[in-house]
């Protein structure tokens, strides 16, 4: 299937998830992430802030864990058509932008590029780690600025089923995918089930 078809299919699937199920599955994704990656004090995590209306994986448990364990947290913000990275803490005031996405009031780029983990929002990832997002390309551009050894980790409710037929040369694939039931590694371009 091509990205457009997959985007439509998985937007509908995600929209069909009842909120209680979405929250339960998000909690399982969180537990699987912690069990697999075991983040520690002073590591740096770039984490998206969930868009509730789009039924994204709820990242609040991740943020709470990071703040409690003194793990540095950076979040994305789109400024002048580019995704920048801002450091936040538990006291940072968030406001909703014109797309309904919560983000820090500040637009001062942290300049940070050395992350241990980059948690990636997506609609779908196939068995080679290729992703389908919302089609804006912000993360592909962002990945080009990030240290090469940062783990690019997709969080998704769904395990791979369909292959993406129209992968482009500039598309950046994931290193891992965390779902409610498994953690997949894409070393060498194929998945290895780790759970």
Protein backbone atom coordinates (compact mmCIF):
# COMPACT_ATOMS: atom_id res chain seq x y z
CA UNK A 1 0.00 0.00 0.00
CA UNK A 2 1.17 3.56 -0.59
CA UNK A 3 1.52 6.17 2.15
CA UNK A 4 -1.70 7.94 1.25
CA UNK A 5 -3.73 4.71 1.50
CA UNK A 6 -2.01 3.71 4.74
CA UNK A 7 -2.49 7.19 6.22
CA UNK A 8 -6.23 7.05 5.53
CA UNK A 9 -6.58 3.48 6.85
CA UNK A 10 -4.67 4.02 10.09
CA UNK A 11 -6.18 7.42 10.83
CA UNK A 12 -9.57 5.68 10.71
CA UNK A 13 -8.36 2.74 12.82
CA UNK A 14 -6.91 5.04 15.44
CA UNK A 15 -10.00 7.25 15.48
CA UNK A 16 -12.06 4.11 16.12
CA UNK A 17 -10.24 3.31 19.35
CA UNK A 18 -12.35 4.10 22.43
CA UNK A 19 -10.58 6.51 24.80
CA UNK A 20 -10.36 3.88 27.57
CA UNK A 21 -8.66 1.45 25.15
CA UNK A 22 -6.35 4.18 23.89
CA UNK A 23 -5.26 4.95 27.45
CA UNK A 24 -4.79 1.26 28.31
CA UNK A 25 -2.72 0.65 25.17
CA UNK A 26 -0.68 3.82 25.78
CA UNK A 27 0.17 2.54 29.27
CA UNK A 28 1.34 -0.79 27.79
CA UNK A 29 3.49 1.07 25.25
CA UNK A 30 5.01 3.10 28.09
CA UNK A 31 5.76 -0.05 30.13
CA UNK A 32 7.35 -1.76 27.13
CA UNK A 33 9.51 1.31 26.45
CA UNK A 34 10.78 1.48 30.05
CA UNK A 35 11.44 -2.28 30.22
CA UNK A 36 13.36 -2.27 26.93
CA UNK A 37 15.35 0.97 27.11
CA UNK A 38 15.65 1.66 30.86
CA UNK A 39 16.34 5.43 30.60
CA UNK A 40 18.44 6.87 33.41
CA UNK A 41 19.18 10.21 35.10
CA UNK A 42 20.65 12.92 32.84
CA UNK A 43 19.89 11.12 29.60
CA UNK A 44 18.21 13.33 26.99
CA UNK A 45 14.89 12.43 25.42
CA UNK A 46 13.11 14.24 22.62
CA UNK A 47 9.42 13.44 23.17
CA UNK A 48 6.34 14.60 21.30
CA UNK A 49 3.37 16.02 23.19
CA UNK A 50 0.28 14.00 22.30
CA UNK A 51 -2.53 15.48 20.24
CA UNK A 52 -5.64 14.19 22.03
CA UNK A 53 -7.99 14.94 19.11
CA UNK A 54 -5.84 12.77 16.81
CA UNK A 55 -5.92 9.84 19.25
CA UNK A 56 -2.13 9.74 19.48
CA UNK A 57 -0.27 7.57 21.98
CA UNK A 58 -0.58 9.32 25.34
CA UNK A 59 2.91 10.52 26.30
CA UNK A 60 1.96 11.91 29.74
CA UNK A 61 3.21 8.74 31.55
CA UNK A 62 6.53 9.08 29.69
CA UNK A 63 6.89 12.74 30.66
CA UNK A 64 6.01 12.07 34.30
CA UNK A 65 8.58 9.27 34.46
CA UNK A 66 11.26 11.42 32.83
CA UNK A 67 10.64 14.36 35.17
CA UNK A 68 10.56 12.11 38.27
CA UNK A 69 13.83 10.44 37.30
CA UNK A 70 15.72 13.62 36.31
CA UNK A 71 15.84 12.69 32.64
CA UNK A 72 16.12 15.78 30.46
CA UNK A 73 13.09 16.33 28.23
CA UNK A 74 12.96 18.18 24.92
CA UNK A 75 9.81 18.68 22.87
CA UNK A 76 9.17 19.75 19.28
CA UNK A 77 7.72 23.07 18.20
CA UNK A 78 7.13 24.29 14.65
CA UNK A 79 8.53 27.79 14.16
CA UNK A 80 8.63 29.43 10.72
CA UNK A 81 7.95 26.10 9.02
CA UNK A 82 10.78 24.29 10.83
CA UNK A 83 10.73 21.91 13.79
CA UNK A 84 12.88 23.10 16.68
CA UNK A 85 13.57 21.48 20.03
CA UNK A 86 12.78 23.10 23.38
CA UNK A 87 13.76 21.79 26.81
CA UNK A 88 10.91 21.57 29.30
CA UNK A 89 10.42 20.55 32.92
CA UNK A 90 7.38 19.75 35.04
CA UNK A 91 6.71 23.48 35.60
CA UNK A 92 6.85 24.53 31.94
CA UNK A 93 3.63 26.25 30.87
CA UNK A 94 2.16 24.76 27.69
CA UNK A 95 -0.29 26.52 25.37
CA UNK A 96 -2.25 25.15 22.41
CA UNK A 97 -1.19 26.35 18.98
CA UNK A 98 -3.46 26.86 15.96
CA UNK A 99 -3.43 23.07 15.28
CA UNK A 100 -4.53 22.32 18.83
CA UNK A 101 -1.09 20.99 19.78
CA UNK A 102 0.22 21.82 23.25
CA UNK A 103 3.66 23.41 23.12
CA UNK A 104 5.86 25.66 25.28
CA UNK A 105 5.19 29.41 25.06
CA UNK A 106 8.85 30.06 24.29
CA UNK A 107 10.15 29.73 20.74
CA UNK A 108 13.82 29.69 21.73
CA UNK A 109 15.50 26.66 20.15
CA UNK A 110 17.56 24.72 22.71
CA UNK A 111 20.13 24.01 20.02
CA UNK A 112 20.40 20.49 21.45
CA UNK A 113 21.12 17.75 18.93
CA UNK A 114 22.67 15.04 21.09
CA UNK A 115 19.78 12.87 22.26
CA UNK A 116 19.71 9.38 23.71
CA UNK A 117 16.15 8.76 22.48
CA UNK A 118 13.84 10.48 20.02
CA UNK A 119 10.24 9.35 20.51
CA UNK A 120 8.41 9.70 17.21
CA UNK A 121 4.68 10.14 16.62
CA UNK A 122 3.39 8.20 13.63
CA UNK A 123 0.37 6.58 12.08
CA UNK A 124 2.12 3.42 10.95
CA UNK A 125 5.49 1.68 10.55
CA UNK A 126 6.20 -1.36 8.39
CA UNK A 127 8.52 -4.33 9.10
CA UNK A 128 11.53 -2.41 7.80
CA UNK A 129 10.99 0.60 10.08
CA UNK A 130 9.62 2.84 7.33
CA UNK A 131 7.10 5.28 8.77
CA UNK A 132 3.94 7.03 7.75
CA UNK A 133 3.24 10.25 9.61
CA UNK A 134 1.02 13.18 8.71
CA UNK A 135 2.95 13.89 5.52
CA UNK A 136 4.67 17.17 6.45
CA UNK A 137 8.23 15.76 6.62
CA UNK A 138 9.17 17.59 9.83
CA UNK A 139 10.79 14.56 11.44
CA UNK A 140 12.82 13.58 8.34
CA UNK A 141 14.33 17.08 8.34
CA UNK A 142 14.80 17.02 12.13
CA UNK A 143 16.59 13.64 12.04
CA UNK A 144 19.23 15.14 9.74
CA UNK A 145 20.23 17.49 12.60
CA UNK A 146 20.31 14.85 15.36
CA UNK A 147 23.33 12.79 16.49
CA UNK A 148 23.56 9.53 14.54
CA UNK A 149 23.52 7.29 17.63
CA UNK A 150 20.22 8.62 18.99
CA UNK A 151 17.61 5.84 19.00
CA UNK A 152 14.67 6.86 16.78
CA UNK A 153 11.74 5.10 18.42
CA UNK A 154 8.22 5.06 17.00
CA UNK A 155 5.28 4.67 19.38
CA UNK A 156 2.22 3.08 17.84
CA UNK A 157 -0.92 1.13 18.72
CA UNK A 158 -0.54 -1.14 15.69
CA UNK A 159 2.06 -3.73 14.73
CA UNK A 160 3.35 -3.87 11.14
CA UNK A 161 1.07 -5.55 8.61
CA UNK A 162 1.17 -3.73 5.25
CA UNK A 163 4.43 -2.85 3.51
CA UNK A 164 4.86 0.79 2.43
CA UNK A 165 5.26 0.79 -1.35
CA UNK A 166 6.40 4.37 -1.91
CA UNK A 167 9.38 4.86 0.39
CA UNK A 168 11.46 7.85 -0.76
CA UNK A 169 15.21 8.26 -0.74
CA UNK A 170 15.07 11.00 1.92
CA UNK A 171 12.74 9.08 4.24
CA UNK A 172 14.45 8.26 7.54
CA UNK A 173 13.44 4.93 9.03
CA UNK A 174 13.02 4.08 12.70
CA UNK A 175 15.50 2.15 14.82
CA UNK A 176 12.71 0.69 16.96
CA UNK A 177 8.93 0.47 17.16
CA UNK A 178 7.14 0.09 20.49
CA UNK A 179 3.55 -1.19 20.48
CA UNK A 180 1.32 -2.44 23.31
CA UNK A 181 2.49 -6.02 22.68
CA UNK A 182 6.07 -5.84 21.38
CA UNK A 183 9.27 -3.92 20.79
CA UNK A 184 10.72 -4.31 17.30
CA UNK A 185 14.28 -3.53 16.26
CA UNK A 186 14.99 -2.62 12.64
CA UNK A 187 18.74 -3.27 12.59
CA UNK A 188 19.76 -4.08 9.04
CA UNK A 189 16.41 -2.97 7.64
CA UNK A 190 14.38 -5.92 8.92
CA UNK A 191 12.49 -6.34 12.12
CA UNK A 192 13.70 -8.39 15.05
CA UNK A 193 11.04 -9.10 17.63
CA UNK A 194 12.42 -8.40 21.06
CA UNK A 195 9.28 -9.14 23.01
